[in-house]
Amino acid sequence: MGAIKAVFDVMKKLALKLVEDGEGARKVVEIRVEGARSLAAAKKVASSIANSQLVKTAFFGEDPNFRQIMAAIGYAGVPINCATVDVFV
């Protein structure tokens, strides 16, 4: 199991380096979705957040807020319970 984790860690570092070295990249944001009903639902939510122009603009301007992230989650089309959502920036 240790070898698998080591390979995963190396691959994650390489993927992060690719993002950091991207042309015009000024910020790197990690989006983590926990507690979703399925992996597919988590991916939909993360993708919706990552592709949201409002969220991108907010992070670029160094002023991200809960409303923009929650709006992006809502656009994912995944049923959620707003009372159980925690957003950390």
Foldseek 3Di string as FASTA:
>chain_A
DVVVVVVVVVVVVVVVVCQVPDVPDDDDDDDDDPDAPDPVLRVLLSVLLVPDPVNVVCVVVVHDDDVSSVVSSVVSPGDDDVVPDDDDD
